[in-house]
N, C-alpha and C. Protein backbone atom coordinates (compact mmCIF):
# COMPACT_ATOMS: atom_id res chain seq x y z
N MET A 1 -27.41 4.92 -24.64
CA MET A 1 -27.88 4.80 -23.29
C MET A 1 -28.22 6.20 -22.77
N SER A 2 -29.38 6.33 -22.20
CA SER A 2 -29.77 7.62 -21.64
C SER A 2 -29.33 7.72 -20.19
N ILE A 3 -29.32 8.91 -19.66
CA ILE A 3 -28.91 9.12 -18.27
C ILE A 3 -29.87 8.43 -17.30
N ASP A 4 -31.11 8.25 -17.71
CA ASP A 4 -32.09 7.57 -16.87
C ASP A 4 -31.76 6.09 -16.68
N GLU A 5 -30.99 5.53 -17.60
CA GLU A 5 -30.63 4.11 -17.52
C GLU A 5 -29.41 3.85 -16.65
N LEU A 6 -28.70 4.90 -16.25
CA LEU A 6 -27.49 4.73 -15.45
C LEU A 6 -27.83 4.40 -14.01
N ASP A 7 -26.99 3.62 -13.40
CA ASP A 7 -27.13 3.26 -11.99
C ASP A 7 -26.74 4.46 -11.12
N PRO A 8 -27.62 4.93 -10.25
CA PRO A 8 -27.31 6.09 -9.40
C PRO A 8 -26.06 5.89 -8.55
N GLU A 9 -25.80 4.68 -8.12
CA GLU A 9 -24.61 4.40 -7.32
C GLU A 9 -23.33 4.61 -8.13
N ALA A 10 -23.41 4.38 -9.42
CA ALA A 10 -22.24 4.57 -10.28
C ALA A 10 -21.91 6.05 -10.43
N LEU A 11 -22.89 6.90 -10.24
CA LEU A 11 -22.70 8.34 -10.38
C LEU A 11 -22.32 9.02 -9.06
N ARG A 12 -22.42 8.28 -7.95
CA ARG A 12 -22.13 8.85 -6.64
C ARG A 12 -20.65 9.18 -6.53
N VAL A 13 -20.34 10.35 -6.00
CA VAL A 13 -18.96 10.77 -5.82
C VAL A 13 -18.50 10.32 -4.44
N ASP A 14 -17.38 9.63 -4.40
CA ASP A 14 -16.82 9.15 -3.14
C ASP A 14 -16.13 10.32 -2.43
N SER A 15 -16.60 10.65 -1.23
CA SER A 15 -16.05 11.81 -0.50
C SER A 15 -14.58 11.61 -0.16
N ASP A 16 -14.15 10.37 0.08
CA ASP A 16 -12.74 10.12 0.36
C ASP A 16 -11.88 10.42 -0.86
N LEU A 17 -12.38 10.08 -2.03
CA LEU A 17 -11.64 10.34 -3.26
C LEU A 17 -11.55 11.84 -3.52
N VAL A 18 -12.61 12.56 -3.25
CA VAL A 18 -12.60 14.01 -3.42
C VAL A 18 -11.60 14.63 -2.45
N ALA A 19 -11.57 14.16 -1.20
CA ALA A 19 -10.63 14.68 -0.20
C ALA A 19 -9.19 14.36 -0.60
N ALA A 20 -8.95 13.16 -1.11
CA ALA A 20 -7.61 12.79 -1.55
C ALA A 20 -7.16 13.67 -2.71
N ASP A 21 -8.05 13.94 -3.63
CA ASP A 21 -7.72 14.81 -4.76
C ASP A 21 -7.37 16.22 -4.29
N ALA A 22 -8.14 16.74 -3.34
CA ALA A 22 -7.87 18.08 -2.81
C ALA A 22 -6.51 18.11 -2.11
N ALA A 23 -6.22 17.07 -1.33
CA ALA A 23 -4.93 17.01 -0.64
C ALA A 23 -3.77 16.92 -1.63
N LEU A 24 -3.94 16.13 -2.68
CA LEU A 24 -2.89 16.03 -3.70
C LEU A 24 -2.68 17.36 -4.42
N ASN A 25 -3.76 18.08 -4.68
CA ASN A 25 -3.62 19.39 -5.32
C ASN A 25 -2.87 20.37 -4.42
N GLU A 26 -3.15 20.31 -3.11
CA GLU A 26 -2.42 21.17 -2.17
C GLU A 26 -0.94 20.80 -2.12
N LEU A 27 -0.66 19.49 -2.08
CA LEU A 27 0.73 19.04 -2.07
C LEU A 27 1.44 19.44 -3.35
N CYS A 28 0.76 19.35 -4.47
CA CYS A 28 1.35 19.72 -5.75
C CYS A 28 1.75 21.19 -5.76
N ALA A 29 0.96 22.03 -5.11
CA ALA A 29 1.28 23.45 -5.05
C ALA A 29 2.55 23.70 -4.24
N VAL A 30 2.81 22.82 -3.27
CA VAL A 30 3.98 22.96 -2.41
C VAL A 30 5.18 22.24 -3.02
N ASP A 31 4.95 21.00 -3.49
CA ASP A 31 6.05 20.19 -4.01
C ASP A 31 5.50 19.20 -5.05
N ALA A 32 5.60 19.57 -6.31
CA ALA A 32 5.02 18.76 -7.39
C ALA A 32 5.61 17.36 -7.46
N ARG A 33 6.90 17.24 -7.22
CA ARG A 33 7.55 15.92 -7.28
C ARG A 33 6.99 14.99 -6.21
N GLN A 34 6.83 15.50 -4.99
CA GLN A 34 6.27 14.68 -3.92
C GLN A 34 4.83 14.27 -4.25
N ALA A 35 4.08 15.15 -4.87
CA ALA A 35 2.72 14.82 -5.26
C ALA A 35 2.72 13.68 -6.28
N GLN A 36 3.66 13.69 -7.21
CA GLN A 36 3.76 12.59 -8.18
C GLN A 36 4.09 11.27 -7.48
N ILE A 37 4.97 11.32 -6.50
CA ILE A 37 5.33 10.11 -5.77
C ILE A 37 4.12 9.55 -5.03
N VAL A 38 3.35 10.43 -4.39
CA VAL A 38 2.15 9.98 -3.68
C VAL A 38 1.16 9.37 -4.66
N GLU A 39 0.96 10.01 -5.79
CA GLU A 39 0.05 9.45 -6.81
C GLU A 39 0.51 8.07 -7.25
N LEU A 40 1.79 7.93 -7.53
CA LEU A 40 2.30 6.64 -7.96
C LEU A 40 2.14 5.58 -6.89
N ARG A 41 2.42 5.95 -5.67
CA ARG A 41 2.34 4.98 -4.59
C ARG A 41 0.90 4.59 -4.28
N CYS A 42 0.01 5.54 -4.24
CA CYS A 42 -1.38 5.27 -3.87
C CYS A 42 -2.22 4.68 -5.01
N PHE A 43 -2.04 5.19 -6.20
CA PHE A 43 -2.92 4.80 -7.28
C PHE A 43 -2.34 3.76 -8.23
N VAL A 44 -1.03 3.61 -8.21
CA VAL A 44 -0.40 2.63 -9.09
C VAL A 44 0.20 1.48 -8.29
N GLY A 45 0.37 1.69 -6.98
CA GLY A 45 0.92 0.65 -6.13
C GLY A 45 2.43 0.60 -6.12
N LEU A 46 3.05 1.72 -6.41
CA LEU A 46 4.51 1.78 -6.43
C LEU A 46 5.06 1.61 -5.02
N ASP A 47 5.96 0.65 -4.85
CA ASP A 47 6.55 0.47 -3.53
C ASP A 47 7.79 1.33 -3.37
N PRO A 48 8.19 1.62 -2.12
CA PRO A 48 9.32 2.52 -1.89
C PRO A 48 10.61 2.10 -2.59
N ALA A 49 10.84 0.82 -2.76
CA ALA A 49 12.06 0.35 -3.41
C ALA A 49 12.12 0.74 -4.88
N ARG A 50 10.97 0.91 -5.50
CA ARG A 50 10.93 1.26 -6.93
C ARG A 50 10.77 2.75 -7.16
N ARG A 51 10.65 3.54 -6.08
CA ARG A 51 10.43 4.98 -6.21
C ARG A 51 11.55 5.68 -6.96
N THR A 52 12.78 5.33 -6.67
CA THR A 52 13.91 6.00 -7.31
C THR A 52 13.89 5.80 -8.81
N SER A 53 13.67 4.58 -9.27
CA SER A 53 13.65 4.33 -10.70
C SER A 53 12.46 5.04 -11.36
N ALA A 54 11.35 5.18 -10.65
CA ALA A 54 10.20 5.90 -11.21
C ALA A 54 10.52 7.38 -11.35
N ARG A 55 11.22 7.94 -10.37
CA ARG A 55 11.60 9.35 -10.47
C ARG A 55 12.45 9.60 -11.68
N VAL A 56 13.39 8.69 -11.94
CA VAL A 56 14.25 8.84 -13.10
C VAL A 56 13.41 8.81 -14.37
N SER A 57 12.43 7.91 -14.43
CA SER A 57 11.57 7.81 -15.60
C SER A 57 10.74 9.06 -15.80
N ILE A 58 10.23 9.63 -14.71
CA ILE A 58 9.41 10.82 -14.79
C ILE A 58 10.24 12.00 -15.29
N GLU A 59 11.46 12.12 -14.83
CA GLU A 59 12.31 13.23 -15.20
C GLU A 59 12.81 13.15 -16.63
N ALA A 60 12.88 11.95 -17.17
CA ALA A 60 13.42 11.76 -18.50
C ALA A 60 12.53 12.26 -19.59
């Protein structure tokens, strides 16, 4: 498949996603563990009740 065959909308960068990535990078610089929790909660759907067990898994 050539680049000419790709849908331009598929290549469009979502400004909200770029902003979220920048914010996560800033948070990671301050507190890497909190950044991991935010990633898990926002992108994986981790609920607060399961956060503790996820932290244990990440640390292991």
